[in-house]
Amino acid sequence: MTRRSHRRAGYTLLEVLLATLIAVILLAALYVTLDVTLVRMDTGRDQVGSYGLGRAVVNRMASDLTGVLGPLPPKSGGSGSSSDSSGASGGSSGASSSQSGGTGTTAAAGTGTTAAAGTGATGSGTTTATDPSAQSQTPTTNIPFHAGVIGTDKQLTAFVSRVPESMTDPEAALDPTALLPADVRRVTYYLSPDGLGLCRQERPWATADGVWNSADPDLSTADRDVIAPEVKDVTFEYFDGADWQSSWDGSQPGSDGVTPLGPPRAVRATFVLQFPGRGGEVTERRVQHVVPIRAAVGTYTPPDTGTTTGPAGGTTTTGGM
């Protein structure tokens, strides 16, 4: 009778080592695959974030520039000089004195730029002398709302129109003691001097001192004005209808010498964004966008309406409205 072996079958040491080696190789390959996948996911997330941030900044700026005010005709307040000379801020009183024989008469009138002179009569001769103590002083220049845009290559200031708060906040409108700003705003985009990023400052009281007569932002609030800390550099350019300019001053007189130049035809903004990546590397992205300004003065010239002066000093219009 044949005896059967009761020894249990198993793996040899070599087989166990080979199986362990294969498992380690598979796990290493899986780890590398997961790492590559995670890196690509992070890279894609950063790209999506950069696109989203750039789009948000561009949309915010485009929304502001959509409401830019355009220049007004001179008779509608288009001349900023007339309002500046008669304004209460910065005007200086002038005096004129007249002397005839031994009797003197003194009168003071007007604000703004005036001159004082004394006239003396002796016999048939007349002499005129200027009093140096009554020389005029230059008042503080107030920027008209219809200047539209004032900016440099690193700073952009726009005078825009918003819906008045009396229409968006009914409770405040019913309060007789509440002071609500008007629809005009001054919006300024600038780079923080401390490297915090792109700042946006909005001033609702456009007629207040320091707002009406200045296009520069209040740098003391730069830490609260930051809207995009990833923006490390910005360049603004202004299209005048033919070329791109590095600066723009819409308060300067236009072709007629009276009406302000107003906003440019378009504004081109170039942003440089930086995003920290894995391993300490920094990803840089450039975003450029052109925003047209519909309130700008175009090249259209109205046709001659044939206006003539009537017999009573009025005007008669023929061939046009």
C-alpha atoms as a PDB file:
ATOM      1  CA  MET A   1       0.000   0.000   0.000  1.00  0.00           C
ATOM      2  CA  THR A   2       1.438   3.379  -1.095  1.00  0.00           C
ATOM      3  CA  ARG A   3       1.829   6.052   1.574  1.00  0.00           C
ATOM      4  CA  ARG A   4       0.613   9.564   0.664  1.00  0.00           C
ATOM      5  CA  SER A   5       2.534  12.686   1.665  1.00  0.00           C
ATOM      6  CA  HIS A   6       0.568  15.041   3.927  1.00  0.00           C
ATOM      7  CA  ARG A   7       2.982  18.026   3.420  1.00  0.00           C
ATOM      8  CA  ARG A   8       1.078  21.263   2.435  1.00  0.00           C
ATOM      9  CA  ALA A   9       2.100  23.003  -0.807  1.00  0.00           C
ATOM     10  CA  GLY A  10       3.376  26.689  -0.593  1.00  0.00           C
ATOM     11  CA  TYR A  11       5.400  29.463  -2.278  1.00  0.00           C
ATOM     12  CA  THR A  12       9.111  29.497  -2.357  1.00  0.00           C
ATOM     13  CA  LEU A  13      11.130  32.477  -1.142  1.00  0.00           C
ATOM     14  CA  LEU A  14      12.032  33.410  -4.705  1.00  0.00           C
ATOM     15  CA  GLU A  15       8.368  33.571  -5.710  1.00  0.00           C
ATOM     16  CA  VAL A  16       7.568  35.816  -2.735  1.00  0.00           C
ATOM     17  CA  LEU A  17      10.408  38.171  -3.601  1.00  0.00           C
ATOM     18  CA  LEU A  18       9.334  38.395  -7.222  1.00  0.00           C
ATOM     19  CA  ALA A  19       5.721  39.097  -6.224  1.00  0.00           C
ATOM     20  CA  THR A  20       6.856  41.816  -3.812  1.00  0.00           C
ATOM     21  CA  LEU A  21       9.030  43.424  -6.486  1.00  0.00           C
ATOM     22  CA  ILE A  22       6.184  43.465  -8.974  1.00  0.00           C
ATOM     23  CA  ALA A  23       3.834  45.003  -6.362  1.00  0.00           C
ATOM     24  CA  VAL A  24       6.381  47.733  -5.573  1.00  0.00           C
ATOM     25  CA  ILE A  25       6.766  48.554  -9.274  1.00  0.00           C
ATOM     26  CA  LEU A  26       2.997  48.782  -9.724  1.00  0.00           C
ATOM     27  CA  LEU A  27       2.589  50.986  -6.670  1.00  0.00           C
ATOM     28  CA  ALA A  28       5.405  53.260  -7.851  1.00  0.00           C
ATOM     29  CA  ALA A  29       3.798  53.566 -11.270  1.00  0.00           C
ATOM     30  CA  LEU A  30       0.451  54.342  -9.640  1.00  0.00           C
ATOM     31  CA  TYR A  31       2.070  56.993  -7.443  1.00  0.00           C
ATOM     32  CA  VAL A  32       3.770  58.651 -10.415  1.00  0.00           C
ATOM     33  CA  THR A  33       0.515  58.610 -12.348  1.00  0.00           C
ATOM     34  CA  LEU A  34      -1.407  60.187  -9.467  1.00  0.00           C
ATOM     35  CA  ASP A  35       1.303  62.801  -8.943  1.00  0.00           C
ATOM     36  CA  VAL A  36       1.269  63.789 -12.621  1.00  0.00           C
ATOM     37  CA  THR A  37      -2.519  63.941 -12.539  1.00  0.00           C
ATOM     38  CA  LEU A  38      -2.537  66.152  -9.436  1.00  0.00           C
ATOM     39  CA  VAL A  39       0.109  68.477 -10.884  1.00  0.00           C
ATOM     40  CA  ARG A  40      -1.895  68.864 -14.075  1.00  0.00           C
ATOM     41  CA  MET A  41      -5.046  69.476 -12.064  1.00  0.00           C
ATOM     42  CA  ASP A  42      -3.290  72.206 -10.083  1.00  0.00           C
ATOM     43  CA  THR A  43      -1.913  73.733 -13.261  1.00  0.00           C
ATOM     44  CA  GLY A  44      -5.332  73.681 -14.865  1.00  0.00           C
ATOM     45  CA  ARG A  45      -6.880  75.165 -11.740  1.00  0.00           C
ATOM     46  CA  ASP A  46      -4.313  77.974 -11.760  1.00  0.00           C
ATOM     47  CA  GLN A  47      -4.985  78.662 -15.430  1.00  0.00           C
ATOM     48  CA  VAL A  48      -8.722  78.748 -14.835  1.00  0.00           C
ATOM     49  CA  GLY A  49      -8.173  81.049 -11.873  1.00  0.00           C
ATOM     50  CA  SER A  50      -5.973  83.381 -13.928  1.00  0.00           C
ATOM     51  CA  TYR A  51      -8.527  83.469 -16.721  1.00  0.00           C
ATOM     52  CA  GLY A  52     -11.310  84.096 -14.232  1.00  0.00           C
ATOM     53  CA  LEU A  53      -9.430  86.822 -12.381  1.00  0.00           C
ATOM     54  CA  GLY A  54      -8.386  88.556 -15.584  1.00  0.00           C
ATOM     55  CA  ARG A  55     -11.950  88.376 -16.870  1.00  0.00           C
ATOM     56  CA  ALA A  56     -13.327  89.762 -13.592  1.00  0.00           C
ATOM     57  CA  VAL A  57     -10.926  92.722 -13.607  1.00  0.00           C
ATOM     58  CA  VAL A  58     -11.647  93.466 -17.251  1.00  0.00           C
ATOM     59  CA  ASN A  59     -15.409  93.231 -16.730  1.00  0.00           C
ATOM     60  CA  ARG A  60     -15.226  95.559 -13.723  1.00  0.00           C
ATOM     61  CA  MET A  61     -13.276  98.137 -15.667  1.00  0.00           C
ATOM     62  CA  ALA A  62     -15.528  97.803 -18.710  1.00  0.00           C
ATOM     63  CA  SER A  63     -18.566  98.333 -16.488  1.00  0.00           C
ATOM     64  CA  ASP A  64     -17.066 101.553 -15.136  1.00  0.00           C
ATOM     65  CA  LEU A  65     -16.021 102.889 -18.533  1.00  0.00           C
ATOM     66  CA  THR A  66     -19.493 102.213 -19.933  1.00  0.00           C
ATOM     67  CA  GLY A  67     -20.855 105.060 -17.810  1.00  0.00           C
ATOM     68  CA  VAL A  68     -18.142 107.610 -18.635  1.00  0.00           C
ATOM     69  CA  LEU A  69     -19.523 111.119 -19.110  1.00  0.00           C
ATOM     70  CA  GLY A  70     -18.953 112.856 -22.421  1.00  0.00           C
ATOM     71  CA  PRO A  71     -18.196 116.517 -23.161  1.00  0.00           C
ATOM     72  CA  LEU A  72     -21.029 119.066 -23.161  1.00  0.00           C
ATOM     73  CA  PRO A  73     -21.594 121.998 -25.519  1.00  0.00           C
ATOM     74  CA  PRO A  74     -20.309 125.355 -24.192  1.00  0.00           C
ATOM     75  CA  LYS A  75     -23.794 126.748 -23.527  1.00  0.00           C
ATOM     76  CA  SER A  76     -24.636 123.629 -21.497  1.00  0.00           C
ATOM     77  CA  GLY A  77     -21.758 124.130 -19.090  1.00  0.00           C
ATOM     78  CA  GLY A  78     -19.081 122.770 -21.397  1.00  0.00           C
ATOM     79  CA  SER A  79     -16.639 125.474 -20.417  1.00  0.00           C
ATOM     80  CA  GLY A  80     -14.991 124.721 -17.127  1.00  0.00           C
ATOM     81  CA  SER A  81     -13.322 128.144 -16.964  1.00  0.00           C
ATOM     82  CA  SER A  82     -16.531 130.098 -16.437  1.00  0.00           C
ATOM     83  CA  SER A  83     -17.598 127.993 -13.485  1.00  0.00           C
ATOM     84  CA  ASP A  84     -14.105 128.053 -11.993  1.00  0.00           C
ATOM     85  CA  SER A  85     -13.788 131.815 -12.106  1.00  0.00           C
ATOM     86  CA  SER A  86     -17.097 132.336 -10.302  1.00  0.00           C
ATOM     87  CA  GLY A  87     -16.714 129.472  -7.795  1.00  0.00           C
ATOM     88  CA  ALA A  88     -16.489 130.106  -4.111  1.00  0.00           C
ATOM     89  CA  SER A  89     -13.344 128.029  -3.689  1.00  0.00           C
ATOM     90  CA  GLY A  90     -10.170 129.798  -4.692  1.00  0.00           C
ATOM     91  CA  GLY A  91     -11.693 133.075  -5.927  1.00  0.00           C
ATOM     92  CA  SER A  92     -10.077 136.328  -4.807  1.00  0.00           C
ATOM     93  CA  SER A  93     -11.851 139.659  -4.437  1.00  0.00           C
ATOM     94  CA  GLY A  94     -10.703 142.591  -6.527  1.00  0.00           C
ATOM     95  CA  ALA A  95     -11.049 146.279  -5.778  1.00  0.00           C
ATOM     96  CA  SER A  96     -11.148 149.341  -7.990  1.00  0.00           C
ATOM     97  CA  SER A  97     -10.828 152.881  -6.692  1.00  0.00           C
ATOM     98  CA  SER A  98     -11.607 156.158  -8.452  1.00  0.00           C
ATOM     99  CA  GLN A  99     -10.458 159.567  -7.243  1.00  0.00           C
ATOM    100  CA  SER A 100     -11.684 162.850  -8.680  1.00  0.00           C
ATOM    101  CA  GLY A 101     -10.116 166.000  -7.191  1.00  0.00           C
ATOM    102  CA  GLY A 102     -10.227 165.755  -3.421  1.00  0.00           C
ATOM    103  CA  THR A 103     -13.209 163.357  -3.239  1.00  0.00           C
ATOM    104  CA  GLY A 104     -12.482 159.575  -3.230  1.00  0.00           C
ATOM    105  CA  THR A 105     -14.900 156.754  -4.104  1.00  0.00           C
ATOM    106  CA  THR A 106     -14.024 153.092  -3.557  1.00  0.00           C
ATOM    107  CA  ALA A 107     -15.964 150.082  -4.916  1.00  0.00           C
ATOM    108  CA  ALA A 108     -15.301 146.343  -4.690  1.00  0.00           C
ATOM    109  CA  ALA A 109     -16.876 143.835  -7.052  1.00  0.00           C
ATOM    110  CA  GLY A 110     -16.596 140.298  -8.417  1.00  0.00           C
ATOM    111  CA  THR A 111     -14.767 137.170  -7.514  1.00  0.00           C
ATOM    112  CA  GLY A 112     -12.077 135.378  -9.460  1.00  0.00           C
ATOM    113  CA  THR A 113      -9.465 137.267 -11.488  1.00  0.00           C
ATOM    114  CA  THR A 114      -9.755 141.023 -11.029  1.00  0.00           C
ATOM    115  CA  ALA A 115      -7.388 143.969 -11.121  1.00  0.00           C
ATOM    116  CA  ALA A 116      -7.294 147.161  -9.104  1.00  0.00           C
ATOM    117  CA  ALA A 117      -6.377 150.539 -10.472  1.00  0.00           C
ATOM    118  CA  GLY A 118      -6.455 154.114  -9.223  1.00  0.00           C
ATOM    119  CA  THR A 119      -7.306 157.049 -11.507  1.00  0.00           C
ATOM    120  CA  GLY A 120      -6.422 160.602 -10.577  1.00  0.00           C
ATOM    121  CA  ALA A 121      -7.531 163.765 -12.429  1.00  0.00           C
ATOM    122  CA  THR A 122      -5.380 166.912 -12.257  1.00  0.00           C
ATOM    123  CA  GLY A 123      -6.410 169.673 -14.527  1.00  0.00           C
ATOM    124  CA  SER A 124      -6.931 168.229 -17.974  1.00  0.00           C
ATOM    125  CA  GLY A 125      -4.444 165.342 -17.617  1.00  0.00           C
ATOM    126  CA  THR A 126      -5.328 161.780 -16.559  1.00  0.00           C
ATOM    127  CA  THR A 127      -2.892 159.243 -15.065  1.00  0.00           C
ATOM    128  CA  THR A 128      -3.465 155.535 -14.366  1.00  0.00           C
ATOM    129  CA  ALA A 129      -1.521 153.455 -11.820  1.00  0.00           C
ATOM    130  CA  THR A 130      -1.787 149.763 -10.910  1.00  0.00           C
ATOM    131  CA  ASP A 131      -1.918 148.762  -7.261  1.00  0.00           C
ATOM    132  CA  PRO A 132       0.488 145.777  -6.846  1.00  0.00           C
ATOM    133  CA  SER A 133      -1.183 144.744  -3.577  1.00  0.00           C
ATOM    134  CA  ALA A 134      -4.442 143.930  -5.386  1.00  0.00           C
ATOM    135  CA  GLN A 135      -2.988 141.549  -7.995  1.00  0.00           C
ATOM    136  CA  SER A 136      -5.178 138.556  -8.885  1.00  0.00           C
ATOM    137  CA  GLN A 137      -4.495 135.076  -7.591  1.00  0.00           C
ATOM    138  CA  THR A 138      -4.973 131.942  -9.640  1.00  0.00           C
ATOM    139  CA  PRO A 139      -7.892 129.891  -8.180  1.00  0.00           C
ATOM    140  CA  THR A 140      -7.761 126.152  -7.657  1.00  0.00           C
ATOM    141  CA  THR A 141      -8.557 124.405 -10.914  1.00  0.00           C
ATOM    142  CA  ASN A 142     -11.727 122.334 -10.738  1.00  0.00           C
ATOM    143  CA  ILE A 143     -11.994 119.395 -13.113  1.00  0.00           C
ATOM    144  CA  PRO A 144     -15.320 119.341 -14.993  1.00  0.00           C
ATOM    145  CA  PHE A 145     -17.343 116.144 -14.891  1.00  0.00           C
ATOM    146  CA  HIS A 146     -17.438 115.986 -18.687  1.00  0.00           C
ATOM    147  CA  ALA A 147     -13.650 115.631 -18.781  1.00  0.00           C
ATOM    148  CA  GLY A 148     -14.534 111.942 -18.894  1.00  0.00           C
ATOM    149  CA  VAL A 149     -11.086 110.368 -18.514  1.00  0.00           C
ATOM    150  CA  ILE A 150      -7.818 111.637 -17.064  1.00  0.00           C
ATOM    151  CA  GLY A 151      -4.966 109.170 -16.818  1.00  0.00           C
ATOM    152  CA  THR A 152      -1.386 108.125 -17.353  1.00  0.00           C
ATOM    153  CA  ASP A 153       0.169 104.810 -18.302  1.00  0.00           C
ATOM    154  CA  LYS A 154      -0.111 103.574 -14.666  1.00  0.00           C
ATOM    155  CA  GLN A 155      -3.248 105.337 -13.435  1.00  0.00           C
ATOM    156  CA  LEU A 156      -6.743 105.755 -14.855  1.00  0.00           C
ATOM    157  CA  THR A 157      -9.374 108.164 -13.490  1.00  0.00           C
ATOM    158  CA  ALA A 158     -12.871 108.202 -14.973  1.00  0.00           C
ATOM    159  CA  PHE A 159     -15.881 110.360 -14.151  1.00  0.00           C
ATOM    160  CA  VAL A 160     -18.868 108.051 -14.515  1.00  0.00           C
ATOM    161  CA  SER A 161     -22.600 108.146 -13.933  1.00  0.00           C
ATOM    162  CA  ARG A 162     -24.321 105.721 -11.574  1.00  0.00           C
ATOM    163  CA  VAL A 163     -27.921 105.162 -10.581  1.00  0.00           C
ATOM    164  CA  PRO A 164     -28.590 107.597  -7.683  1.00  0.00           C
ATOM    165  CA  GLU A 165     -28.858 105.979  -4.266  1.00  0.00           C
ATOM    166  CA  SER A 166     -32.237 107.649  -3.761  1.00  0.00           C
ATOM    167  CA  MET A 167     -33.587 105.226  -6.370  1.00  0.00           C
ATOM    168  CA  THR A 168     -31.814 102.114  -5.097  1.00  0.00           C
ATOM    169  CA  ASP A 169     -32.351 102.686  -1.352  1.00  0.00           C
ATOM    170  CA  PRO A 170     -35.995 103.701  -0.724  1.00  0.00           C
ATOM    171  CA  GLU A 171     -35.568 103.768   3.056  1.00  0.00           C
ATOM    172  CA  ALA A 172     -32.712 106.270   2.869  1.00  0.00           C
ATOM    173  CA  ALA A 173     -34.637 108.352   0.333  1.00  0.00           C
ATOM    174  CA  LEU A 174     -37.549 108.726   2.792  1.00  0.00           C
ATOM    175  CA  ASP A 175     -35.244 110.014   5.525  1.00  0.00           C
ATOM    176  CA  PRO A 176     -35.234 113.836   5.273  1.00  0.00           C
ATOM    177  CA  THR A 177     -31.984 114.082   7.249  1.00  0.00           C
ATOM    178  CA  ALA A 178     -30.035 111.609   5.073  1.00  0.00           C
ATOM    179  CA  LEU A 179     -27.431 113.059   2.734  1.00  0.00           C
ATOM    180  CA  LEU A 180     -27.369 111.005  -0.447  1.00  0.00           C
ATOM    181  CA  PRO A 181     -24.736 111.496  -3.162  1.00  0.00           C
ATOM    182  CA  ALA A 182     -25.699 112.260  -6.712  1.00  0.00           C
ATOM    183  CA  ASP A 183     -25.226 109.976  -9.697  1.00  0.00           C
ATOM    184  CA  VAL A 184     -21.705 111.205 -10.562  1.00  0.00           C
ATOM    185  CA  ARG A 185     -18.745 109.154  -9.321  1.00  0.00           C
ATOM    186  CA  ARG A 186     -14.994 109.453  -9.661  1.00  0.00           C
ATOM    187  CA  VAL A 187     -13.403 106.017 -10.181  1.00  0.00           C
ATOM    188  CA  THR A 188      -9.622 105.586 -10.143  1.00  0.00           C
ATOM    189  CA  TYR A 189      -7.581 102.478 -10.994  1.00  0.00           C
ATOM    190  CA  TYR A 190      -3.981 102.465  -9.784  1.00  0.00           C
ATOM    191  CA  LEU A 191      -1.203 100.185  -8.545  1.00  0.00           C
ATOM    192  CA  SER A 192      -0.660 100.091  -4.814  1.00  0.00           C
ATOM    193  CA  PRO A 193       2.626 101.795  -3.890  1.00  0.00           C
ATOM    194  CA  ASP A 194       3.294  98.977  -1.402  1.00  0.00           C
ATOM    195  CA  GLY A 195       3.013  96.248  -4.047  1.00  0.00           C
ATOM    196  CA  LEU A 196      -0.375  95.018  -2.787  1.00  0.00           C
ATOM    197  CA  GLY A 197      -1.821  94.771  -6.297  1.00  0.00           C
ATOM    198  CA  LEU A 198      -4.368  96.608  -8.415  1.00  0.00           C
ATOM    199  CA  CYS A 199      -6.521  99.107  -6.529  1.00  0.00           C
ATOM    200  CA  ARG A 200      -9.882 100.616  -7.405  1.00  0.00           C
ATOM    201  CA  GLN A 201     -11.073 103.720  -5.571  1.00  0.00           C
ATOM    202  CA  GLU A 202     -14.566 105.174  -5.970  1.00  0.00           C
ATOM    203  CA  ARG A 203     -15.532 108.569  -4.608  1.00  0.00           C
ATOM    204  CA  PRO A 204     -19.285 109.313  -4.618  1.00  0.00           C
ATOM    205  CA  TRP A 205     -19.079 112.974  -3.574  1.00  0.00           C
ATOM    206  CA  ALA A 206     -17.710 114.242  -6.864  1.00  0.00           C
ATOM    207  CA  THR A 207     -18.216 117.913  -5.890  1.00  0.00           C
ATOM    208  CA  ALA A 208     -16.271 117.692  -2.618  1.00  0.00           C
ATOM    209  CA  ASP A 209     -12.897 119.319  -2.072  1.00  0.00           C
ATOM    210  CA  GLY A 210     -10.084 116.991  -2.988  1.00  0.00           C
ATOM    211  CA  VAL A 211     -12.314 115.110  -5.425  1.00  0.00           C
ATOM    212  CA  TRP A 212     -13.513 117.773  -7.827  1.00  0.00           C
ATOM    213  CA  ASN A 213     -10.129 119.449  -8.151  1.00  0.00           C
ATOM    214  CA  SER A 214      -7.922 116.347  -8.261  1.00  0.00           C
ATOM    215  CA  ALA A 215      -7.651 113.209 -10.358  1.00  0.00           C
ATOM    216  CA  ASP A 216      -5.222 111.448  -8.008  1.00  0.00           C
ATOM    217  CA  PRO A 217      -6.433 108.798  -5.544  1.00  0.00           C
ATOM    218  CA  ASP A 218      -6.130 108.939  -1.778  1.00  0.00           C
ATOM    219  CA  LEU A 219      -3.227 106.563  -1.153  1.00  0.00           C
ATOM    220  CA  SER A 220      -4.007 106.292   2.569  1.00  0.00           C
ATOM    221  CA  THR A 221      -6.809 103.823   1.748  1.00  0.00           C
ATOM    222  CA  ALA A 222      -4.779 101.670  -0.662  1.00  0.00           C
ATOM    223  CA  ASP A 223      -5.010  98.589   1.563  1.00  0.00           C
ATOM    224  CA  ARG A 224      -8.827  98.744   1.382  1.00  0.00           C
ATOM    225  CA  ASP A 225      -8.924  99.560  -2.324  1.00  0.00           C
ATOM    226  CA  VAL A 226      -7.118  96.392  -3.494  1.00  0.00           C
ATOM    227  CA  ILE A 227      -9.302  94.322  -5.841  1.00  0.00           C
ATOM    228  CA  ALA A 228      -6.664  92.041  -7.415  1.00  0.00           C
ATOM    229  CA  PRO A 229      -3.487  91.335  -5.421  1.00  0.00           C
ATOM    230  CA  GLU A 230      -2.242  89.069  -8.235  1.00  0.00           C
ATOM    231  CA  VAL A 231      -1.840  92.073 -10.574  1.00  0.00           C
ATOM    232  CA  LYS A 232       1.798  93.147 -10.352  1.00  0.00           C
ATOM    233  CA  ASP A 233       1.879  95.602 -13.252  1.00  0.00           C
ATOM    234  CA  VAL A 234      -0.591  97.479 -15.437  1.00  0.00           C
ATOM    235  CA  THR A 235      -0.308  99.697 -18.491  1.00  0.00           C
ATOM    236  CA  PHE A 236      -3.066 101.977 -19.793  1.00  0.00           C
ATOM    237  CA  GLU A 237      -3.201 103.335 -23.334  1.00  0.00           C
ATOM    238  CA  TYR A 238      -5.682 105.754 -24.873  1.00  0.00           C
ATOM    239  CA  PHE A 239      -6.894 105.760 -28.479  1.00  0.00           C
ATOM    240  CA  ASP A 240      -7.528 109.207 -29.953  1.00  0.00           C
ATOM    241  CA  GLY A 241      -8.964 107.954 -33.220  1.00  0.00           C
ATOM    242  CA  ALA A 242      -5.620 107.554 -34.992  1.00  0.00           C
ATOM    243  CA  ASP A 243      -2.916 106.468 -32.525  1.00  0.00           C
ATOM    244  CA  TRP A 244      -2.531 105.070 -29.018  1.00  0.00           C
ATOM    245  CA  GLN A 245      -1.388 107.636 -26.449  1.00  0.00           C
ATOM    246  CA  SER A 246       0.373 106.968 -23.138  1.00  0.00           C
ATOM    247  CA  SER A 247      -1.596 109.662 -21.278  1.00  0.00           C
ATOM    248  CA  TRP A 248      -4.899 111.493 -21.593  1.00  0.00           C
ATOM    249  CA  ASP A 249      -6.394 114.659 -20.113  1.00  0.00           C
ATOM    250  CA  GLY A 250     -10.028 115.097 -21.084  1.00  0.00           C
ATOM    251  CA  SER A 251     -10.282 118.434 -19.266  1.00  0.00           C
ATOM    252  CA  GLN A 252      -8.155 120.172 -21.890  1.00  0.00           C
ATOM    253  CA  PRO A 253     -10.062 122.282 -24.462  1.00  0.00           C
ATOM    254  CA  GLY A 254     -10.989 120.569 -27.694  1.00  0.00           C
ATOM    255  CA  SER A 255     -10.843 121.862 -31.250  1.00  0.00           C
ATOM    256  CA  ASP A 256     -13.176 124.781 -30.511  1.00  0.00           C
ATOM    257  CA  GLY A 257     -11.007 125.986 -27.647  1.00  0.00           C
ATOM    258  CA  VAL A 258     -13.906 125.917 -25.157  1.00  0.00           C
ATOM    259  CA  THR A 259     -15.499 122.480 -24.918  1.00  0.00           C
ATOM    260  CA  PRO A 260     -13.420 119.926 -22.960  1.00  0.00           C
ATOM    261  CA  LEU A 261     -11.717 117.249 -25.032  1.00  0.00           C
ATOM    262  CA  GLY A 262     -13.647 114.532 -23.208  1.00  0.00           C
ATOM    263  CA  PRO A 263     -12.814 110.822 -23.037  1.00  0.00           C
ATOM    264  CA  PRO A 264     -10.745 108.947 -25.648  1.00  0.00           C
ATOM    265  CA  ARG A 265     -12.310 106.661 -28.216  1.00  0.00           C
ATOM    266  CA  ALA A 266     -11.045 103.561 -26.376  1.00  0.00           C
ATOM    267  CA  VAL A 267      -8.846 102.472 -23.476  1.00  0.00           C
ATOM    268  CA  ARG A 268      -6.443  99.524 -23.744  1.00  0.00           C
ATOM    269  CA  ALA A 269      -5.392  97.935 -20.461  1.00  0.00           C
ATOM    270  CA  THR A 270      -2.559  95.391 -20.160  1.00  0.00           C
ATOM    271  CA  PHE A 271      -2.315  93.496 -16.870  1.00  0.00           C
ATOM    272  CA  VAL A 272       0.563  91.317 -15.649  1.00  0.00           C
ATOM    273  CA  LEU A 273      -0.692  88.662 -13.200  1.00  0.00           C
ATOM    274  CA  GLN A 274       1.509  86.389 -11.098  1.00  0.00           C
ATOM    275  CA  PHE A 275       0.355  83.168  -9.425  1.00  0.00           C
ATOM    276  CA  PRO A 276       2.523  81.130  -7.019  1.00  0.00           C
ATOM    277  CA  GLY A 277       2.747  77.484  -8.074  1.00  0.00           C
ATOM    278  CA  ARG A 278       3.920  74.222  -6.509  1.00  0.00           C
ATOM    279  CA  GLY A 279       7.554  74.096  -5.536  1.00  0.00           C
ATOM    280  CA  GLY A 280       7.851  77.883  -5.214  1.00  0.00           C
ATOM    281  CA  GLU A 281       7.731  78.646  -8.944  1.00  0.00           C
ATOM    282  CA  VAL A 282       5.711  81.655 -10.103  1.00  0.00           C
ATOM    283  CA  THR A 283       3.407  81.556 -13.104  1.00  0.00           C
ATOM    284  CA  GLU A 284       3.060  84.860 -14.964  1.00  0.00           C
ATOM    285  CA  ARG A 285       0.213  85.703 -17.276  1.00  0.00           C
ATOM    286  CA  ARG A 286      -0.515  88.802 -19.388  1.00  0.00           C
ATOM    287  CA  VAL A 287      -4.068  89.928 -20.056  1.00  0.00           C
ATOM    288  CA  GLN A 288      -4.887  92.687 -22.543  1.00  0.00           C
ATOM    289  CA  HIS A 289      -8.307  94.124 -23.289  1.00  0.00           C
ATOM    290  CA  VAL A 290      -9.640  97.097 -25.239  1.00  0.00           C
ATOM    291  CA  VAL A 291     -12.710  98.892 -23.864  1.00  0.00           C
ATOM    292  CA  PRO A 292     -14.517 101.256 -26.272  1.00  0.00           C
ATOM    293  CA  ILE A 293     -15.987 104.450 -24.828  1.00  0.00           C
ATOM    294  CA  ARG A 294     -19.235 105.371 -26.515  1.00  0.00           C
ATOM    295  CA  ALA A 295     -19.394 108.839 -24.939  1.00  0.00           C
ATOM    296  CA  ALA A 296     -16.253 109.957 -26.784  1.00  0.00           C
ATOM    297  CA  VAL A 297     -16.405 112.600 -29.467  1.00  0.00           C
ATOM    298  CA  GLY A 298     -16.345 111.037 -32.920  1.00  0.00           C
ATOM    299  CA  THR A 299     -15.327 112.359 -36.288  1.00  0.00           C
ATOM    300  CA  TYR A 300     -18.887 113.181 -37.373  1.00  0.00           C
ATOM    301  CA  THR A 301     -19.417 116.865 -38.219  1.00  0.00           C
ATOM    302  CA  PRO A 302     -23.040 118.113 -38.234  1.00  0.00           C
ATOM    303  CA  PRO A 303     -24.120 119.628 -41.541  1.00  0.00           C
ATOM    304  CA  ASP A 304     -24.652 123.361 -41.914  1.00  0.00           C
ATOM    305  CA  THR A 305     -28.203 124.131 -40.796  1.00  0.00           C
ATOM    306  CA  GLY A 306     -28.295 127.502 -42.520  1.00  0.00           C
ATOM    307  CA  THR A 307     -28.827 129.575 -39.369  1.00  0.00           C
ATOM    308  CA  THR A 308     -29.171 133.301 -40.000  1.00  0.00           C
ATOM    309  CA  THR A 309     -29.782 136.238 -37.689  1.00  0.00           C
ATOM    310  CA  GLY A 310     -33.328 137.577 -37.694  1.00  0.00           C
ATOM    311  CA  PRO A 311     -34.308 141.264 -37.721  1.00  0.00           C
ATOM    312  CA  ALA A 312     -35.048 141.276 -33.968  1.00  0.00           C
ATOM    313  CA  GLY A 313     -31.750 139.716 -32.975  1.00  0.00           C
ATOM    314  CA  GLY A 314     -33.149 136.168 -32.964  1.00  0.00           C
ATOM    315  CA  THR A 315     -32.125 133.246 -35.146  1.00  0.00           C
ATOM    316  CA  THR A 316     -33.862 131.766 -38.126  1.00  0.00           C
ATOM    317  CA  THR A 317     -33.119 128.178 -39.087  1.00  0.00           C
ATOM    318  CA  THR A 318     -33.501 126.951 -42.630  1.00  0.00           C
ATOM    319  CA  GLY A 319     -32.699 123.500 -43.902  1.00  0.00           C
ATOM    320  CA  GLY A 320     -32.198 121.487 -40.736  1.00  0.00           C
ATOM    321  CA  MET A 321     -33.372 120.932 -37.205  1.00  0.00           C
END
